């Protein structure tokens, strides 16, 4: 799972859905007012895929109820979908839809999902468009210090004191594997057709990824977390801390290279947000 599948409040559920959509490259917002033939309607989450030819519009109804969602909610949501011209509708809840509600949506463009199921539906896209590029960009900043050949680094290194040179050599020896392997997470951004072996395969679950991948590429580091988002935060903080260790020797970051993927904290760059 990307996030905790059981948010505490409906506001948390809305924010989580919005964040997931933005992470995968959609323009998304919460509490959006949309025009209909009968006036204005407020929807919990609205997202638009601006990269698609027809600007596909998603509308999401969030129900953080401790019960399954009844058919009456689906009926109302169907009207909203029709009158706003939305292409795809999701009803996201803790426990899914009641049997009658499921039957009603069977031949519609509305899908009832738990929050966990929504995350599973978009996990591969989130992994490729957000998780991997963000790690790759952060690791590339460290790689500038540790890679075999880097003229700018070597020039700055010559100006260090002998004590700082010794410290630099120790850091470089310690973190070369980490920075190189984590930087490879951005290879699909650089060359989508490049064969990366099994490194960037979409993981089946968090525990297996930590055991089969992270233990190999980050020896000596323990990753204590319950979700992939928590893991992402831990890896980014680890790389930031390593970078700061190098920066402290030079009085700051000495390179002027920008991020390779351009994926920011919210997600890939898009043409503005929803509004």
Protein backbone atom coordinates (compact mmCIF):
# COMPACT_ATOMS: atom_id res chain seq x y z
CA UNK A 1 0.00 0.00 0.00
CA UNK A 2 1.09 3.55 -0.71
CA UNK A 3 -0.64 5.15 2.30
CA UNK A 4 -2.56 4.08 5.38
CA UNK A 5 -5.73 2.53 3.91
CA UNK A 6 -7.81 3.70 6.89
CA UNK A 7 -7.53 7.50 7.20
CA UNK A 8 -8.93 9.03 10.38
CA UNK A 9 -11.34 11.50 8.77
CA UNK A 10 -13.13 12.16 5.49
CA UNK A 11 -10.88 15.18 5.01
CA UNK A 12 -7.85 12.89 5.23
CA UNK A 13 -9.44 10.55 2.70
CA UNK A 14 -10.09 13.40 0.26
CA UNK A 15 -6.55 14.74 0.69
CA UNK A 16 -5.11 11.27 0.19
CA UNK A 17 -7.01 10.74 -3.07
CA UNK A 18 -5.99 14.19 -4.33
CA UNK A 19 -2.35 13.54 -3.45
CA UNK A 20 -2.36 10.16 -5.19
CA UNK A 21 -3.80 11.66 -8.37
CA UNK A 22 -1.30 14.51 -8.35
CA UNK A 23 1.56 12.08 -7.77
CA UNK A 24 0.69 10.20 -10.96
CA UNK A 25 0.48 13.37 -13.02
CA UNK A 26 -3.14 14.54 -12.86
CA UNK A 27 -4.31 18.04 -12.03
CA UNK A 28 -6.43 17.40 -8.95
CA UNK A 29 -8.14 19.31 -6.16
CA UNK A 30 -10.65 18.80 -3.37
CA UNK A 31 -14.02 20.47 -2.81
CA UNK A 32 -14.34 21.62 -6.41
CA UNK A 33 -17.44 23.51 -7.61
CA UNK A 34 -18.58 22.36 -11.06
CA UNK A 35 -21.29 23.81 -13.26
CA UNK A 36 -24.31 21.71 -14.21
CA UNK A 37 -27.51 22.51 -16.13
CA UNK A 38 -29.20 22.97 -12.75
CA UNK A 39 -26.55 25.12 -11.12
CA UNK A 40 -23.35 24.40 -9.21
CA UNK A 41 -22.42 21.12 -7.54
CA UNK A 42 -19.52 20.56 -5.15
CA UNK A 43 -17.53 17.36 -5.62
CA UNK A 44 -15.11 15.82 -3.13
CA UNK A 45 -12.23 15.37 -5.59
CA UNK A 46 -11.96 16.36 -9.23
CA UNK A 47 -8.98 15.51 -11.41
CA UNK A 48 -8.09 16.05 -15.05
CA UNK A 49 -5.51 14.24 -17.14
CA UNK A 50 -4.21 17.23 -19.09
CA UNK A 51 -1.85 15.01 -21.08
CA UNK A 52 -4.68 12.98 -22.56
CA UNK A 53 -6.13 14.03 -25.91
CA UNK A 54 -9.63 14.59 -24.56
CA UNK A 55 -8.59 15.93 -21.10
CA UNK A 56 -10.17 12.99 -19.28
CA UNK A 57 -12.03 14.16 -16.17
CA UNK A 58 -12.28 12.11 -12.97
CA UNK A 59 -14.75 12.77 -10.16
CA UNK A 60 -14.45 11.05 -6.80
CA UNK A 61 -16.99 10.72 -4.00
CA UNK A 62 -15.23 9.99 -0.70
CA UNK A 63 -17.14 8.16 2.04
CA UNK A 64 -15.08 7.48 5.16
CA UNK A 65 -17.95 5.56 6.70
CA UNK A 66 -17.73 2.52 8.97
CA UNK A 67 -20.22 0.77 6.71
CA UNK A 68 -20.63 -0.17 3.07
CA UNK A 69 -22.06 2.47 0.73
CA UNK A 70 -25.75 2.02 -0.24
CA UNK A 71 -27.28 2.21 -3.69
CA UNK A 72 -28.86 5.62 -3.03
CA UNK A 73 -25.40 7.22 -2.97
CA UNK A 74 -24.61 5.67 -6.34
CA UNK A 75 -27.87 7.02 -7.79
CA UNK A 76 -27.01 10.56 -6.72
CA UNK A 77 -23.45 10.21 -7.95
CA UNK A 78 -24.69 9.02 -11.35
CA UNK A 79 -26.59 12.28 -11.77
CA UNK A 80 -23.48 14.29 -10.87
CA UNK A 81 -21.41 12.31 -13.37
CA UNK A 82 -23.94 12.89 -16.14
CA UNK A 83 -24.48 16.61 -15.50
CA UNK A 84 -20.80 17.51 -15.11
CA UNK A 85 -19.62 15.56 -18.15
CA UNK A 86 -17.13 13.51 -16.15
CA UNK A 87 -15.51 10.56 -17.92
CA UNK A 88 -14.66 8.36 -14.95
CA UNK A 89 -16.18 8.24 -11.47
CA UNK A 90 -14.94 6.60 -8.30
CA UNK A 91 -16.76 6.12 -5.03
CA UNK A 92 -13.95 5.57 -2.53
CA UNK A 93 -14.81 4.28 0.92
CA UNK A 94 -13.51 2.19 3.80
CA UNK A 95 -15.55 -0.90 3.08
CA UNK A 96 -16.77 -0.64 -0.51
CA UNK A 97 -20.30 -0.78 -1.88
CA UNK A 98 -23.33 -2.75 -0.84
CA UNK A 99 -24.29 -5.59 -3.19
CA UNK A 100 -27.12 -3.61 -4.82
CA UNK A 101 -24.83 -0.65 -5.37
CA UNK A 102 -22.22 -2.91 -6.97
CA UNK A 103 -24.83 -4.34 -9.29
CA UNK A 104 -25.99 -0.87 -10.29
CA UNK A 105 -22.47 0.26 -11.30
CA UNK A 106 -21.67 -2.89 -13.27
CA UNK A 107 -22.32 -1.40 -16.71
CA UNK A 108 -21.47 2.23 -15.91
CA UNK A 109 -18.33 4.38 -15.85
CA UNK A 110 -18.55 4.42 -12.03
CA UNK A 111 -16.39 2.15 -9.90
CA UNK A 112 -16.70 1.53 -6.18
CA UNK A 113 -13.38 1.00 -4.42
CA UNK A 114 -11.91 0.94 -0.98
CA UNK A 115 -9.05 3.37 -0.46
CA UNK A 116 -6.65 0.43 -0.49
CA UNK A 117 -8.05 -0.80 -3.81
CA UNK A 118 -7.63 2.67 -5.32
CA UNK A 119 -3.97 2.65 -4.28
CA UNK A 120 -3.50 -0.81 -5.76
CA UNK A 121 -5.14 0.30 -8.99
CA UNK A 122 -2.61 3.12 -9.45
CA UNK A 123 0.40 1.63 -7.68
CA UNK A 124 2.43 0.76 -10.78
CA UNK A 125 1.89 4.23 -12.23
CA UNK A 126 2.74 5.84 -8.88
CA UNK A 127 5.85 3.69 -8.64
CA UNK A 128 7.12 4.61 -12.12
CA UNK A 129 6.05 8.25 -12.26
CA UNK A 130 6.70 9.28 -8.66
CA UNK A 131 8.55 6.89 -6.35
CA UNK A 132 11.42 5.97 -8.66
CA UNK A 133 12.07 9.42 -10.21
CA UNK A 134 12.10 11.17 -6.83
CA UNK A 135 14.67 8.74 -5.48
CA UNK A 136 16.71 8.93 -8.67
CA UNK A 137 16.83 12.73 -8.59
CA UNK A 138 17.91 12.81 -4.94
CA UNK A 139 20.55 10.13 -5.48
CA UNK A 140 21.97 11.90 -8.52
CA UNK A 141 22.91 14.86 -6.33
CA UNK A 142 24.99 12.53 -4.16
CA UNK A 143 26.37 10.66 -7.16
CA UNK A 144 28.06 13.87 -8.33
CA UNK A 145 30.32 13.49 -5.30
CA UNK A 146 30.92 9.74 -5.49
CA UNK A 147 31.15 8.92 -9.21
CA UNK A 148 34.46 7.85 -10.74
CA UNK A 149 35.04 10.92 -12.89
CA UNK A 150 33.82 14.42 -12.11
CA UNK A 151 36.03 17.35 -13.00
CA UNK A 152 34.14 19.92 -10.93
CA UNK A 153 34.34 17.74 -7.84
CA UNK A 154 38.03 16.94 -8.36
CA UNK A 155 38.88 20.62 -8.68
CA UNK A 156 37.05 21.46 -5.47
CA UNK A 157 38.61 18.47 -3.73
CA UNK A 158 42.11 19.81 -4.40
CA UNK A 159 41.26 22.92 -2.40
CA UNK A 160 40.27 20.95 0.71
CA UNK A 161 42.52 20.60 3.73
CA UNK A 162 44.17 17.24 4.27
CA UNK A 163 41.77 16.51 7.12
CA UNK A 164 38.73 17.22 4.93
CA UNK A 165 40.21 15.19 2.06
CA UNK A 166 40.48 12.22 4.39
CA UNK A 167 36.89 12.71 5.52
CA UNK A 168 35.73 13.01 1.91
CA UNK A 169 37.50 9.80 0.92
CA UNK A 170 35.81 7.98 3.80
CA UNK A 171 32.38 9.28 2.81
CA UNK A 172 32.92 8.44 -0.82
CA UNK A 173 33.96 4.90 0.04
CA UNK A 174 30.97 4.46 2.34
CA UNK A 175 28.29 5.80 0.01
CA UNK A 176 29.42 4.97 -3.53
CA UNK A 177 27.22 1.87 -3.76
CA UNK A 178 24.19 3.59 -2.24
CA UNK A 179 24.36 6.63 -4.51
CA UNK A 180 25.03 4.65 -7.67
CA UNK A 181 22.28 2.11 -7.10
CA UNK A 182 19.66 4.64 -6.02
CA UNK A 183 20.52 6.88 -8.98
CA UNK A 184 19.57 3.98 -11.25
CA UNK A 185 15.96 4.48 -10.17
CA UNK A 186 15.89 7.33 -12.66
CA UNK A 187 17.01 5.28 -15.64
CA UNK A 188 13.50 5.03 -17.04
CA UNK A 189 13.32 8.84 -17.02
CA UNK A 190 16.59 8.99 -18.95
CA UNK A 191 15.91 6.13 -21.33
CA UNK A 192 12.54 4.35 -21.07
CA UNK A 193 13.75 1.44 -23.22
CA UNK A 194 16.93 0.78 -21.24
CA UNK A 195 17.05 -2.66 -19.66
CA UNK A 196 17.43 -2.30 -15.89
CA UNK A 197 17.08 -5.99 -15.11
CA UNK A 198 14.91 -6.67 -12.08
CA UNK A 199 15.94 -3.59 -10.10
CA UNK A 200 12.95 -1.47 -11.09
CA UNK A 201 10.38 -4.24 -11.28
CA UNK A 202 7.16 -3.18 -9.59
CA UNK A 203 7.36 -4.78 -6.13
CA UNK A 204 4.73 -7.20 -4.94
CA UNK A 205 4.77 -5.79 -1.43
CA UNK A 206 6.82 -3.64 0.92
CA UNK A 207 8.50 -6.41 2.91
CA UNK A 208 9.76 -8.26 -0.16
CA UNK A 209 11.08 -5.01 -1.66
CA UNK A 210 13.03 -4.22 1.49
CA UNK A 211 14.37 -7.76 1.73
CA UNK A 212 15.16 -8.47 -1.91
CA UNK A 213 16.17 -5.02 -3.18
CA UNK A 214 17.00 -2.52 -0.45
CA UNK A 215 19.12 -4.94 1.55
CA UNK A 216 21.32 -5.34 -1.53
CA UNK A 217 21.62 -1.72 -2.66
CA UNK A 218 21.78 -0.07 0.77
CA UNK A 219 23.83 -2.43 2.94
CA UNK A 220 23.83 -1.57 6.61
CA UNK A 221 20.70 0.58 6.50
CA UNK A 222 17.48 -0.46 8.23
CA UNK A 223 14.21 0.82 6.76
CA UNK A 224 11.49 0.76 9.43
CA UNK A 225 8.18 1.74 7.86
CA UNK A 226 4.68 0.47 7.12
CA UNK A 227 3.86 2.07 3.75
CA UNK A 228 5.67 2.84 0.51
CA UNK A 229 5.19 6.57 1.08
CA UNK A 230 6.89 6.28 4.46
CA UNK A 231 9.69 4.36 2.80
CA UNK A 232 10.06 7.04 0.13
CA UNK A 233 10.35 9.70 2.83
CA UNK A 234 13.00 7.66 4.65
CA UNK A 235 15.09 7.13 1.50
CA UNK A 236 14.87 10.80 0.54
CA UNK A 237 15.90 11.85 4.04
CA UNK A 238 18.78 9.36 3.99
CA UNK A 239 20.05 10.76 0.69
CA UNK A 240 19.61 14.33 1.91
CA UNK A 241 21.62 13.56 5.05
CA UNK A 242 24.39 11.96 2.99
CA UNK A 243 24.47 14.96 0.67
CA UNK A 244 24.74 17.29 3.67
CA UNK A 245 27.74 15.34 4.93
CA UNK A 246 29.50 16.05 1.65
CA UNK A 247 28.23 19.64 1.49
CA UNK A 248 29.64 20.40 4.92
CA UNK A 249 33.15 19.73 3.63
CA UNK A 250 32.79 22.21 0.77
CA UNK A 251 30.65 24.86 2.41
CA UNK A 252 27.59 23.97 0.36
CA UNK A 253 26.51 22.05 -2.73
CA UNK A 254 29.16 22.61 -5.39
CA UNK A 255 27.26 21.46 -8.49
CA UNK A 256 24.75 23.33 -10.65
CA UNK A 257 23.02 20.36 -12.27
CA UNK A 258 19.23 20.24 -12.11
CA UNK A 259 16.98 17.24 -11.46
CA UNK A 260 16.79 14.71 -14.27
CA UNK A 261 13.10 13.85 -14.07
CA UNK A 262 11.73 17.13 -12.77
CA UNK A 263 9.25 15.28 -10.54
CA UNK A 264 8.54 17.47 -7.53
CA UNK A 265 7.06 16.74 -4.09
CA UNK A 266 3.52 16.72 -5.52
CA UNK A 267 4.27 14.86 -8.74
CA UNK A 268 5.30 15.28 -12.38
CA UNK A 269 5.10 18.79 -13.82
CA UNK A 270 1.74 19.56 -15.41
CA UNK A 271 0.06 22.61 -16.94
CA UNK A 272 -1.12 24.14 -13.70
CA UNK A 273 -3.42 22.60 -11.15
CA UNK A 274 -7.12 21.95 -11.54
CA UNK A 275 -8.33 25.47 -10.93
